[in-house]
């Protein structure tokens, strides 16, 4: 998120992170990646900046390069043969590459949400398991809340 702000990947007219979902609700790819499909990204890219010389197209290239430069050689070997999963018409797309990498590292399924809900219900037991360490407990709760939010789940307070 910090890189997004610093690079201007979220500014109006050049935003490559805000993608409309199946219901045309514009969502942030970083915080709601579970609600945005690959098809949503492809449609958005085609409709807004693919094949243009615009700031959004430049931002997409920058995001792709940033992510590509951030992965290890072993990770690079895993995705290099799957370019069709993160490109449109042979052009790598930053948002698609981000979604692709997330899909390789996070399982966006109902099972994940169910496990997070179960973890949320077991918080009293977790607090005991960490000897009432409030910092560890709060970090655990933040992870659960973030996971549920990314998948579009409502969060019980």
N, C-alpha and C. Protein backbone atom coordinates (compact mmCIF):
# COMPACT_ATOMS: atom_id res chain seq x y z
N UNK A 1 0.83 -1.18 0.00
CA UNK A 1 0.00 0.00 0.00
C UNK A 1 0.88 1.25 0.00
N UNK A 2 1.94 1.23 0.79
CA UNK A 2 2.84 2.39 0.83
C UNK A 2 3.46 2.64 -0.54
N UNK A 3 3.89 1.60 -1.22
CA UNK A 3 4.46 1.75 -2.56
C UNK A 3 3.42 2.32 -3.52
N UNK A 4 2.19 1.90 -3.37
CA UNK A 4 1.10 2.41 -4.20
C UNK A 4 0.97 3.92 -4.04
N UNK A 5 0.96 4.37 -2.79
CA UNK A 5 0.83 5.81 -2.53
C UNK A 5 2.04 6.56 -3.05
N UNK A 6 3.23 6.05 -2.77
CA UNK A 6 4.46 6.74 -3.20
C UNK A 6 4.60 6.81 -4.71
N UNK A 7 4.10 5.80 -5.40
CA UNK A 7 4.24 5.75 -6.86
C UNK A 7 3.07 6.38 -7.61
N UNK A 8 2.02 6.73 -6.91
CA UNK A 8 0.87 7.35 -7.56
C UNK A 8 0.01 6.37 -8.34
N UNK A 9 0.07 5.10 -7.95
CA UNK A 9 -0.70 4.09 -8.67
C UNK A 9 -2.18 4.14 -8.34
N UNK A 10 -2.55 5.03 -7.42
CA UNK A 10 -3.94 5.15 -7.00
C UNK A 10 -4.52 6.55 -7.24
N UNK A 11 -3.81 7.40 -7.99
CA UNK A 11 -4.32 8.76 -8.20
C UNK A 11 -5.36 8.77 -9.33
N UNK A 12 -6.35 9.64 -9.23
CA UNK A 12 -7.37 9.71 -10.27
C UNK A 12 -6.76 9.94 -11.65
N UNK A 13 -7.27 9.22 -12.63
CA UNK A 13 -6.78 9.34 -13.99
C UNK A 13 -5.62 8.41 -14.31
N UNK A 14 -5.01 7.86 -13.26
CA UNK A 14 -3.88 6.95 -13.45
C UNK A 14 -3.98 5.75 -12.52
N UNK A 15 -5.12 5.59 -11.89
CA UNK A 15 -5.35 4.56 -10.89
C UNK A 15 -5.39 3.17 -11.55
N UNK A 16 -4.52 2.30 -11.09
CA UNK A 16 -4.49 0.93 -11.62
C UNK A 16 -4.84 -0.08 -10.52
N UNK A 17 -5.15 0.39 -9.33
CA UNK A 17 -5.42 -0.46 -8.18
C UNK A 17 -6.92 -0.60 -7.93
N UNK A 18 -7.71 0.39 -8.31
CA UNK A 18 -9.15 0.37 -8.11
C UNK A 18 -9.81 -0.29 -9.32
N UNK A 19 -10.45 -1.44 -9.08
CA UNK A 19 -11.01 -2.26 -10.15
C UNK A 19 -12.48 -2.54 -9.86
N UNK A 20 -13.37 -2.34 -10.83
CA UNK A 20 -14.78 -2.69 -10.63
C UNK A 20 -14.95 -4.21 -10.55
N UNK A 21 -15.77 -4.67 -9.59
CA UNK A 21 -16.03 -6.10 -9.46
C UNK A 21 -17.20 -6.50 -10.36
N UNK A 22 -17.74 -7.69 -10.18
CA UNK A 22 -18.84 -8.18 -11.02
C UNK A 22 -20.10 -7.32 -10.91
N UNK A 23 -20.24 -6.61 -9.78
CA UNK A 23 -21.40 -5.75 -9.57
C UNK A 23 -21.10 -4.28 -9.83
N UNK A 24 -19.98 -4.01 -10.49
CA UNK A 24 -19.53 -2.66 -10.81
C UNK A 24 -19.18 -1.82 -9.57
N UNK A 25 -18.95 -2.49 -8.46
CA UNK A 25 -18.48 -1.80 -7.26
C UNK A 25 -16.97 -1.70 -7.38
N UNK A 26 -16.44 -0.49 -7.32
CA UNK A 26 -15.00 -0.28 -7.45
C UNK A 26 -14.34 -0.66 -6.13
N UNK A 27 -13.38 -1.58 -6.23
CA UNK A 27 -12.70 -2.10 -5.04
C UNK A 27 -11.19 -1.95 -5.19
N UNK A 28 -10.52 -1.84 -4.06
CA UNK A 28 -9.07 -1.75 -4.03
C UNK A 28 -8.50 -3.16 -4.14
N UNK A 29 -7.69 -3.40 -5.14
CA UNK A 29 -7.12 -4.72 -5.37
C UNK A 29 -6.26 -5.19 -4.21
N UNK A 30 -5.60 -4.28 -3.53
CA UNK A 30 -4.74 -4.66 -2.41
C UNK A 30 -5.52 -5.12 -1.20
N UNK A 31 -6.67 -4.51 -0.95
CA UNK A 31 -7.43 -4.84 0.25
C UNK A 31 -8.62 -5.75 0.00
N UNK A 32 -9.04 -5.89 -1.24
CA UNK A 32 -10.20 -6.73 -1.56
C UNK A 32 -9.93 -7.67 -2.73
N UNK A 33 -8.72 -8.20 -2.79
CA UNK A 33 -8.33 -9.06 -3.92
C UNK A 33 -9.22 -10.28 -4.07
N UNK A 34 -9.84 -10.73 -2.99
CA UNK A 34 -10.72 -11.90 -3.07
C UNK A 34 -12.03 -11.63 -3.78
N UNK A 35 -12.38 -10.36 -3.93
CA UNK A 35 -13.63 -9.98 -4.58
C UNK A 35 -13.45 -9.56 -6.03
N UNK A 36 -12.22 -9.43 -6.46
CA UNK A 36 -11.91 -8.99 -7.82
C UNK A 36 -11.36 -10.19 -8.59
N UNK A 37 -11.99 -10.51 -9.69
CA UNK A 37 -11.56 -11.65 -10.50
C UNK A 37 -10.55 -11.21 -11.56
N UNK A 38 -9.88 -12.18 -12.11
CA UNK A 38 -8.98 -11.91 -13.23
C UNK A 38 -9.75 -11.28 -14.38
N UNK A 39 -10.97 -11.76 -14.61
CA UNK A 39 -11.80 -11.21 -15.69
C UNK A 39 -12.15 -9.75 -15.42
N UNK A 40 -12.40 -9.40 -14.15
CA UNK A 40 -12.67 -8.00 -13.80
C UNK A 40 -11.49 -7.12 -14.19
N UNK A 41 -10.29 -7.60 -13.87
CA UNK A 41 -9.08 -6.82 -14.18
C UNK A 41 -8.90 -6.68 -15.68
N UNK A 42 -9.04 -7.78 -16.41
CA UNK A 42 -8.87 -7.72 -17.87
C UNK A 42 -9.87 -6.75 -18.50
N UNK A 43 -11.12 -6.82 -18.09
CA UNK A 43 -12.15 -5.91 -18.63
C UNK A 43 -11.79 -4.46 -18.34
N UNK A 44 -11.37 -4.20 -17.11
CA UNK A 44 -11.03 -2.83 -16.72
C UNK A 44 -9.83 -2.32 -17.51
N UNK A 45 -8.80 -3.15 -17.63
CA UNK A 45 -7.58 -2.75 -18.36
C UNK A 45 -7.90 -2.47 -19.82
N UNK A 46 -8.67 -3.34 -20.44
CA UNK A 46 -9.04 -3.14 -21.85
C UNK A 46 -9.85 -1.86 -22.04
N UNK A 47 -10.73 -1.57 -21.09
CA UNK A 47 -11.61 -0.41 -21.22
C UNK A 47 -10.92 0.91 -20.88
N UNK A 48 -9.82 0.85 -20.14
CA UNK A 48 -9.25 2.10 -19.66
C UNK A 48 -7.88 2.46 -20.23
N UNK A 49 -6.93 1.52 -20.30
CA UNK A 49 -5.59 1.96 -20.71
C UNK A 49 -4.77 1.02 -21.56
N UNK A 50 -5.22 -0.18 -21.82
CA UNK A 50 -4.43 -1.10 -22.63
C UNK A 50 -4.16 -0.52 -24.02
N UNK A 51 -2.91 -0.54 -24.42
CA UNK A 51 -2.52 -0.04 -25.74
C UNK A 51 -2.45 1.46 -25.85
N UNK A 52 -2.50 2.16 -24.72
CA UNK A 52 -2.43 3.62 -24.76
C UNK A 52 -1.09 4.09 -24.20
N UNK A 53 -0.79 5.32 -24.44
CA UNK A 53 0.40 5.95 -23.87
C UNK A 53 -0.08 6.92 -22.80
N UNK A 54 -0.63 6.38 -21.74
CA UNK A 54 -1.19 7.19 -20.65
C UNK A 54 -0.44 6.90 -19.36
N UNK A 55 -0.72 7.72 -18.37
CA UNK A 55 -0.10 7.52 -17.06
C UNK A 55 -0.52 6.17 -16.47
N UNK A 56 -1.78 5.76 -16.68
CA UNK A 56 -2.23 4.47 -16.16
C UNK A 56 -1.44 3.32 -16.80
N UNK A 57 -1.21 3.39 -18.10
CA UNK A 57 -0.42 2.35 -18.77
C UNK A 57 1.00 2.33 -18.23
N UNK A 58 1.56 3.52 -18.00
CA UNK A 58 2.90 3.61 -17.44
C UNK A 58 2.91 3.04 -16.01
N UNK A 59 1.89 3.35 -15.23
CA UNK A 59 1.81 2.82 -13.87
C UNK A 59 1.71 1.30 -13.86
N UNK A 60 0.99 0.76 -14.82
CA UNK A 60 0.86 -0.70 -14.92
C UNK A 60 2.22 -1.34 -15.18
N UNK A 61 2.98 -0.74 -16.09
CA UNK A 61 4.33 -1.25 -16.36
C UNK A 61 5.22 -1.14 -15.13
N UNK A 62 5.10 -0.02 -14.41
CA UNK A 62 5.89 0.17 -13.20
C UNK A 62 5.53 -0.86 -12.13
N UNK A 63 4.25 -1.10 -11.94
CA UNK A 63 3.82 -2.09 -10.96
C UNK A 63 4.35 -3.47 -11.32
N UNK A 64 4.25 -3.82 -12.60
CA UNK A 64 4.78 -5.11 -13.04
C UNK A 64 6.27 -5.21 -12.74
N UNK A 65 7.04 -4.18 -13.12
CA UNK A 65 8.49 -4.19 -12.88
C UNK A 65 8.82 -4.25 -11.40
N UNK A 66 8.09 -3.49 -10.60
CA UNK A 66 8.30 -3.48 -9.15
C UNK A 66 8.10 -4.88 -8.57
N UNK A 67 7.01 -5.51 -8.96
CA UNK A 67 6.73 -6.86 -8.45
C UNK A 67 7.75 -7.86 -8.96
N UNK A 68 8.07 -7.77 -10.24
CA UNK A 68 9.02 -8.71 -10.82
C UNK A 68 10.39 -8.58 -10.15
N UNK A 69 10.80 -7.36 -9.85
CA UNK A 69 12.08 -7.15 -9.19
C UNK A 69 12.07 -7.54 -7.72
N UNK A 70 10.88 -7.75 -7.17
CA UNK A 70 10.75 -8.07 -5.75
C UNK A 70 10.74 -9.57 -5.45
N UNK A 71 10.61 -10.39 -6.47
CA UNK A 71 10.51 -11.83 -6.22
C UNK A 71 11.88 -12.50 -6.36
N UNK A 72 11.99 -13.63 -5.71
CA UNK A 72 13.25 -14.38 -5.77
C UNK A 72 13.38 -15.10 -7.11
N UNK A 73 14.57 -15.57 -7.39
CA UNK A 73 14.81 -16.33 -8.62
C UNK A 73 13.97 -17.59 -8.66
N UNK A 74 13.81 -18.24 -7.52
CA UNK A 74 13.01 -19.48 -7.50
C UNK A 74 11.54 -19.18 -7.79
N UNK A 75 11.04 -18.06 -7.30
CA UNK A 75 9.65 -17.66 -7.60
C UNK A 75 9.52 -17.29 -9.07
N UNK A 76 10.50 -16.58 -9.59
CA UNK A 76 10.49 -16.17 -11.00
C UNK A 76 10.39 -17.40 -11.91
N UNK A 77 11.09 -18.46 -11.57
CA UNK A 77 11.04 -19.68 -12.38
C UNK A 77 9.64 -20.28 -12.40
N UNK A 78 8.88 -20.07 -11.33
CA UNK A 78 7.53 -20.62 -11.26
C UNK A 78 6.53 -19.89 -12.14
N UNK A 79 6.69 -18.59 -12.32
CA UNK A 79 5.69 -17.85 -13.07
C UNK A 79 6.07 -17.52 -14.50
N UNK A 80 7.32 -17.61 -14.85
CA UNK A 80 7.76 -17.19 -16.18
C UNK A 80 7.04 -17.95 -17.30
N UNK A 81 6.71 -19.20 -17.06
CA UNK A 81 6.04 -20.00 -18.09
C UNK A 81 4.53 -19.75 -18.15
N UNK A 82 4.02 -18.92 -17.25
CA UNK A 82 2.57 -18.67 -17.20
C UNK A 82 2.22 -17.23 -17.57
N UNK A 83 2.96 -16.64 -18.47
CA UNK A 83 2.76 -15.23 -18.82
C UNK A 83 1.34 -14.94 -19.29
N UNK A 84 0.67 -15.91 -19.89
CA UNK A 84 -0.69 -15.68 -20.37
C UNK A 84 -1.65 -15.40 -19.21
N UNK A 85 -1.27 -15.75 -17.99
CA UNK A 85 -2.13 -15.52 -16.83
C UNK A 85 -2.01 -14.10 -16.27
N UNK A 86 -0.99 -13.37 -16.68
CA UNK A 86 -0.84 -12.01 -16.18
C UNK A 86 -0.54 -11.01 -17.30
N UNK A 87 -0.95 -11.35 -18.51
CA UNK A 87 -0.79 -10.42 -19.63
C UNK A 87 -2.06 -10.40 -20.47
N UNK A 88 -2.21 -9.33 -21.21
CA UNK A 88 -3.33 -9.19 -22.14
C UNK A 88 -2.74 -8.86 -23.49
N UNK A 89 -2.99 -9.72 -24.46
CA UNK A 89 -2.42 -9.51 -25.79
C UNK A 89 -0.91 -9.49 -25.79
N UNK A 90 -0.30 -10.24 -24.89
CA UNK A 90 1.15 -10.31 -24.80
C UNK A 90 1.79 -9.21 -23.97
N UNK A 91 0.98 -8.27 -23.48
CA UNK A 91 1.49 -7.18 -22.64
C UNK A 91 1.28 -7.52 -21.17
N UNK A 92 2.36 -7.64 -20.40
CA UNK A 92 2.19 -7.87 -18.96
C UNK A 92 1.43 -6.71 -18.32
N UNK A 93 0.50 -7.04 -17.45
CA UNK A 93 -0.34 -6.05 -16.77
C UNK A 93 -0.04 -6.12 -15.28
N UNK A 94 0.33 -4.98 -14.70
CA UNK A 94 0.70 -4.94 -13.29
C UNK A 94 -0.35 -5.50 -12.36
N UNK A 95 -1.61 -5.07 -12.52
CA UNK A 95 -2.68 -5.53 -11.64
C UNK A 95 -2.92 -7.03 -11.80
N UNK A 96 -2.83 -7.53 -13.02
CA UNK A 96 -2.99 -8.98 -13.25
C UNK A 96 -1.84 -9.76 -12.61
N UNK A 97 -0.65 -9.21 -12.70
CA UNK A 97 0.51 -9.88 -12.11
C UNK A 97 0.38 -9.91 -10.58
N UNK A 98 -0.10 -8.82 -10.01
CA UNK A 98 -0.34 -8.79 -8.57
C UNK A 98 -1.37 -9.84 -8.18
N UNK A 99 -2.48 -9.89 -8.89
CA UNK A 99 -3.52 -10.89 -8.62
C UNK A 99 -2.96 -12.30 -8.79
N UNK A 100 -2.16 -12.52 -9.81
CA UNK A 100 -1.53 -13.82 -10.06
C UNK A 100 -0.63 -14.21 -8.89
N UNK A 101 0.22 -13.29 -8.44
CA UNK A 101 1.11 -13.60 -7.32
C UNK A 101 0.33 -13.86 -6.04
N UNK A 102 -0.71 -13.07 -5.81
CA UNK A 102 -1.56 -13.30 -4.63
C UNK A 102 -2.19 -14.68 -4.71
N UNK A 103 -2.66 -15.07 -5.88
CA UNK A 103 -3.30 -16.38 -6.02
C UNK A 103 -2.34 -17.53 -5.77
N UNK A 104 -1.05 -17.28 -6.00
CA UNK A 104 -0.04 -18.31 -5.75
C UNK A 104 0.33 -18.39 -4.27
N UNK A 105 0.07 -17.31 -3.53
CA UNK A 105 0.49 -17.29 -2.13
C UNK A 105 -0.66 -17.33 -1.14
N UNK A 106 -1.85 -16.93 -1.56
CA UNK A 106 -3.03 -16.91 -0.69
C UNK A 106 -4.12 -17.69 -1.38
N UNK A 107 -4.78 -18.54 -0.65
CA UNK A 107 -5.88 -19.30 -1.23
C UNK A 107 -7.17 -18.51 -1.01
N UNK A 108 -7.71 -17.95 -2.09
CA UNK A 108 -8.93 -17.16 -2.02
C UNK A 108 -10.14 -18.08 -2.15
N UNK A 109 -10.49 -18.79 -1.10
CA UNK A 109 -11.61 -19.71 -1.17
C UNK A 109 -12.52 -19.53 0.03
N UNK A 110 -13.69 -20.17 -0.04
CA UNK A 110 -14.61 -20.16 1.08
C UNK A 110 -14.02 -20.93 2.26
N UNK A 111 -13.16 -21.90 1.98
CA UNK A 111 -12.51 -22.65 3.04
C UNK A 111 -11.64 -21.71 3.87
N UNK A 112 -10.93 -20.80 3.21
CA UNK A 112 -10.09 -19.84 3.92
C UNK A 112 -10.96 -18.97 4.83
N UNK A 113 -12.07 -18.47 4.30
CA UNK A 113 -12.97 -17.63 5.10
C UNK A 113 -13.54 -18.43 6.26
N UNK A 114 -13.90 -19.68 6.02
CA UNK A 114 -14.43 -20.51 7.11
C UNK A 114 -13.38 -20.72 8.20
N UNK A 115 -12.14 -20.93 7.80
CA UNK A 115 -11.07 -21.12 8.78
C UNK A 115 -10.85 -19.83 9.58
N UNK A 116 -10.88 -18.70 8.90
CA UNK A 116 -10.72 -17.42 9.59
C UNK A 116 -11.86 -17.19 10.57
N UNK A 117 -13.09 -17.52 10.16
CA UNK A 117 -14.25 -17.39 11.05
C UNK A 117 -14.08 -18.30 12.27
N UNK A 118 -13.59 -19.51 12.03
CA UNK A 118 -13.35 -20.44 13.14
C UNK A 118 -12.29 -19.87 14.08
N UNK A 119 -11.21 -19.32 13.51
CA UNK A 119 -10.17 -18.70 14.32
C UNK A 119 -10.73 -17.53 15.13
N UNK A 120 -11.63 -16.79 14.51
CA UNK A 120 -12.25 -15.66 15.20
C UNK A 120 -13.07 -16.14 16.40
N UNK A 121 -13.73 -17.27 16.23
CA UNK A 121 -14.53 -17.83 17.32
C UNK A 121 -13.69 -18.43 18.44
N UNK A 122 -12.44 -18.77 18.15
CA UNK A 122 -11.55 -19.38 19.13
C UNK A 122 -10.62 -18.39 19.81
N UNK A 123 -10.96 -17.12 19.78
CA UNK A 123 -10.06 -16.11 20.34
C UNK A 123 -9.80 -16.28 21.84
N UNK A 124 -10.80 -16.64 22.65
CA UNK A 124 -10.48 -16.85 24.07
C UNK A 124 -9.42 -17.95 24.28
N UNK A 125 -9.54 -19.03 23.52
CA UNK A 125 -8.55 -20.11 23.64
C UNK A 125 -7.19 -19.65 23.14
N UNK A 126 -7.18 -18.83 22.07
CA UNK A 126 -5.91 -18.32 21.55
C UNK A 126 -5.23 -17.44 22.60
N UNK A 127 -6.01 -16.59 23.26
CA UNK A 127 -5.43 -15.71 24.29
C UNK A 127 -4.75 -16.55 25.38
N UNK A 128 -5.37 -17.65 25.78
CA UNK A 128 -4.75 -18.53 26.77
C UNK A 128 -3.48 -19.17 26.22
N UNK A 129 -3.51 -19.54 24.93
CA UNK A 129 -2.36 -20.22 24.34
C UNK A 129 -1.13 -19.33 24.22
N UNK A 130 -1.33 -18.01 24.23
CA UNK A 130 -0.20 -17.08 24.14
C UNK A 130 0.07 -16.42 25.50
N UNK A 131 -0.39 -17.09 26.55
CA UNK A 131 -0.16 -16.61 27.93
C UNK A 131 -0.60 -15.16 28.12
N UNK A 132 -1.74 -14.83 27.54
CA UNK A 132 -2.35 -13.50 27.68
C UNK A 132 -1.46 -12.37 27.18
N UNK A 133 -0.59 -12.65 26.22
CA UNK A 133 0.26 -11.61 25.62
C UNK A 133 -0.61 -10.78 24.67
N UNK A 134 -0.96 -9.59 25.11
CA UNK A 134 -1.90 -8.74 24.38
C UNK A 134 -1.37 -8.36 23.00
N UNK A 135 -0.07 -8.09 22.88
CA UNK A 135 0.50 -7.73 21.58
C UNK A 135 0.37 -8.87 20.58
N UNK A 136 0.69 -10.08 20.98
CA UNK A 136 0.57 -11.24 20.10
C UNK A 136 -0.89 -11.47 19.75
N UNK A 137 -1.76 -11.36 20.75
CA UNK A 137 -3.19 -11.55 20.54
C UNK A 137 -3.73 -10.53 19.54
N UNK A 138 -3.39 -9.25 19.73
CA UNK A 138 -3.88 -8.20 18.82
C UNK A 138 -3.38 -8.40 17.40
N UNK A 139 -2.15 -8.85 17.23
CA UNK A 139 -1.63 -9.13 15.90
C UNK A 139 -2.42 -10.25 15.24
N UNK A 140 -2.75 -11.28 16.01
CA UNK A 140 -3.55 -12.41 15.51
C UNK A 140 -4.93 -11.91 15.06
N UNK A 141 -5.55 -11.06 15.84
CA UNK A 141 -6.86 -10.51 15.50
C UNK A 141 -6.77 -9.66 14.23
N UNK A 142 -5.72 -8.85 14.11
CA UNK A 142 -5.55 -8.03 12.89
C UNK A 142 -5.43 -8.92 11.65
N UNK A 143 -4.70 -10.01 11.76
CA UNK A 143 -4.54 -10.92 10.62
C UNK A 143 -5.88 -11.53 10.23
N UNK A 144 -6.66 -11.95 11.21
CA UNK A 144 -7.98 -12.51 10.94
C UNK A 144 -8.87 -11.48 10.26
N UNK A 145 -8.90 -10.28 10.81
CA UNK A 145 -9.76 -9.22 10.25
C UNK A 145 -9.34 -8.86 8.82
N UNK A 146 -8.04 -8.77 8.59
CA UNK A 146 -7.56 -8.45 7.25
C UNK A 146 -7.94 -9.55 6.27
N UNK A 147 -7.78 -10.79 6.66
CA UNK A 147 -8.14 -11.91 5.79
C UNK A 147 -9.62 -11.92 5.45
N UNK A 148 -10.45 -11.65 6.43
CA UNK A 148 -11.89 -11.61 6.18
C UNK A 148 -12.27 -10.44 5.30
N UNK A 149 -11.68 -9.29 5.52
CA UNK A 149 -11.97 -8.10 4.71
C UNK A 149 -11.55 -8.33 3.26
N UNK A 150 -10.37 -8.91 3.04
CA UNK A 150 -9.88 -9.15 1.67
C UNK A 150 -10.85 -10.04 0.90
N UNK A 151 -11.47 -10.96 1.59
CA UNK A 151 -12.42 -11.87 0.93
C UNK A 151 -13.84 -11.36 0.89
N UNK A 152 -14.06 -10.14 1.41
CA UNK A 152 -15.40 -9.55 1.35
C UNK A 152 -16.30 -9.94 2.49
N UNK A 153 -15.76 -10.54 3.51
CA UNK A 153 -16.56 -10.93 4.66
C UNK A 153 -16.85 -9.72 5.53
N UNK A 154 -18.02 -9.73 6.16
CA UNK A 154 -18.28 -8.69 7.15
C UNK A 154 -17.57 -9.09 8.43
N UNK A 155 -17.21 -8.10 9.20
CA UNK A 155 -16.44 -8.36 10.40
C UNK A 155 -17.29 -8.03 11.62
N UNK A 156 -17.40 -9.01 12.49
CA UNK A 156 -18.13 -8.80 13.74
C UNK A 156 -17.22 -8.05 14.71
N UNK A 157 -17.74 -7.02 15.32
CA UNK A 157 -16.93 -6.27 16.30
C UNK A 157 -17.01 -6.90 17.65
